[in-house]
Amino acid sequence: MRRPLNYHPDFCAFWADGNAFAPSPSRLYFANTRGEVYQLPETMSSDQARPVLIKALP
């Protein structure tokens, strides 16, 4: 990730995991300024889906 510019507090970081050098499964994540991290669904059956909360601050 890089330092975000002109970001919204609810969406300040976006990244993917997986192997950058070979075909592999990859998941998409985003975070907000409160430190909550969400994962986007791997498959979607409609135009919209709810992200899964991965990490929340106590």
C-alpha atoms as a PDB file:
ATOM      1  CA  MET A   1       0.000   0.000   0.000  1.00  0.00           C
ATOM      2  CA  ARG A   2       0.976   3.592  -0.430  1.00  0.00           C
ATOM      3  CA  ARG A   3      -0.053   6.699   1.477  1.00  0.00           C
ATOM      4  CA  PRO A   4      -3.567   7.595   0.302  1.00  0.00           C
ATOM      5  CA  LEU A   5      -4.345  11.085  -0.976  1.00  0.00           C
ATOM      6  CA  ASN A   6      -7.782  12.701  -0.775  1.00  0.00           C
ATOM      7  CA  TYR A   7      -9.288   9.550   0.732  1.00  0.00           C
ATOM      8  CA  HIS A   8     -12.599   8.979   2.507  1.00  0.00           C
ATOM      9  CA  PRO A   9     -12.261   7.874   6.187  1.00  0.00           C
ATOM     10  CA  ASP A  10     -14.363   4.760   5.448  1.00  0.00           C
ATOM     11  CA  PHE A  11     -12.157   3.676   2.530  1.00  0.00           C
ATOM     12  CA  CYS A  12      -8.489   4.604   2.858  1.00  0.00           C
ATOM     13  CA  ALA A  13      -6.632   1.445   1.748  1.00  0.00           C
ATOM     14  CA  PHE A  14      -7.210  -1.259  -0.860  1.00  0.00           C
ATOM     15  CA  TRP A  15      -5.011  -4.296  -1.622  1.00  0.00           C
ATOM     16  CA  ALA A  16      -4.916  -7.909  -2.814  1.00  0.00           C
ATOM     17  CA  ASP A  17      -3.079 -10.984  -1.615  1.00  0.00           C
ATOM     18  CA  GLY A  18      -1.769 -13.901  -3.646  1.00  0.00           C
ATOM     19  CA  ASN A  19       1.415 -14.772  -5.490  1.00  0.00           C
ATOM     20  CA  ALA A  20       2.619 -11.920  -7.715  1.00  0.00           C
ATOM     21  CA  PHE A  21       4.881 -14.231  -9.729  1.00  0.00           C
ATOM     22  CA  ALA A  22       2.595 -17.181 -10.506  1.00  0.00           C
ATOM     23  CA  PRO A  23      -1.120 -17.876 -10.972  1.00  0.00           C
ATOM     24  CA  SER A  24      -2.753 -18.242  -7.557  1.00  0.00           C
ATOM     25  CA  PRO A  25      -5.971 -17.480  -5.704  1.00  0.00           C
ATOM     26  CA  SER A  26      -6.263 -13.836  -4.732  1.00  0.00           C
ATOM     27  CA  ARG A  27      -8.572 -11.981  -2.374  1.00  0.00           C
ATOM     28  CA  LEU A  28      -9.334  -8.247  -2.224  1.00  0.00           C
ATOM     29  CA  TYR A  29      -9.273  -6.231   1.009  1.00  0.00           C
ATOM     30  CA  PHE A  30      -9.957  -2.671   2.108  1.00  0.00           C
ATOM     31  CA  ALA A  31      -9.577  -0.756   5.363  1.00  0.00           C
ATOM     32  CA  ASN A  32     -10.826   2.398   7.014  1.00  0.00           C
ATOM     33  CA  THR A  33      -9.125   4.937   9.276  1.00  0.00           C
ATOM     34  CA  ARG A  34     -10.529   3.201  12.385  1.00  0.00           C
ATOM     35  CA  GLY A  35      -8.356   0.159  11.617  1.00  0.00           C
ATOM     36  CA  GLU A  36     -11.172  -2.135  10.496  1.00  0.00           C
ATOM     37  CA  VAL A  37     -10.189  -4.500   7.674  1.00  0.00           C
ATOM     38  CA  TYR A  38     -12.753  -6.047   5.322  1.00  0.00           C
ATOM     39  CA  GLN A  39     -12.479  -8.799   2.705  1.00  0.00           C
ATOM     40  CA  LEU A  40     -14.584  -8.682  -0.433  1.00  0.00           C
ATOM     41  CA  PRO A  41     -16.448 -11.899  -1.306  1.00  0.00           C
ATOM     42  CA  GLU A  42     -14.538 -14.266  -3.607  1.00  0.00           C
ATOM     43  CA  THR A  43     -17.678 -14.896  -5.675  1.00  0.00           C
ATOM     44  CA  MET A  44     -20.796 -12.784  -6.019  1.00  0.00           C
ATOM     45  CA  SER A  45     -24.227 -13.925  -7.169  1.00  0.00           C
ATOM     46  CA  SER A  46     -25.569 -10.365  -7.581  1.00  0.00           C
ATOM     47  CA  ASP A  47     -24.327  -6.852  -8.366  1.00  0.00           C
ATOM     48  CA  GLN A  48     -23.843  -6.078  -4.677  1.00  0.00           C
ATOM     49  CA  ALA A  49     -22.508  -8.073  -1.728  1.00  0.00           C
ATOM     50  CA  ARG A  50     -21.568  -7.329   1.854  1.00  0.00           C
ATOM     51  CA  PRO A  51     -17.844  -7.421   2.694  1.00  0.00           C
ATOM     52  CA  VAL A  52     -16.673  -9.661   5.537  1.00  0.00           C
ATOM     53  CA  LEU A  53     -15.163  -7.955   8.580  1.00  0.00           C
ATOM     54  CA  ILE A  54     -11.705  -9.514   9.095  1.00  0.00           C
ATOM     55  CA  LYS A  55     -10.302  -7.301  11.858  1.00  0.00           C
ATOM     56  CA  ALA A  56     -12.007  -4.868  14.190  1.00  0.00           C
ATOM     57  CA  LEU A  57     -10.508  -2.767  16.941  1.00  0.00           C
ATOM     58  CA  PRO A  58     -11.680  -3.619  20.471  1.00  0.00           C
END
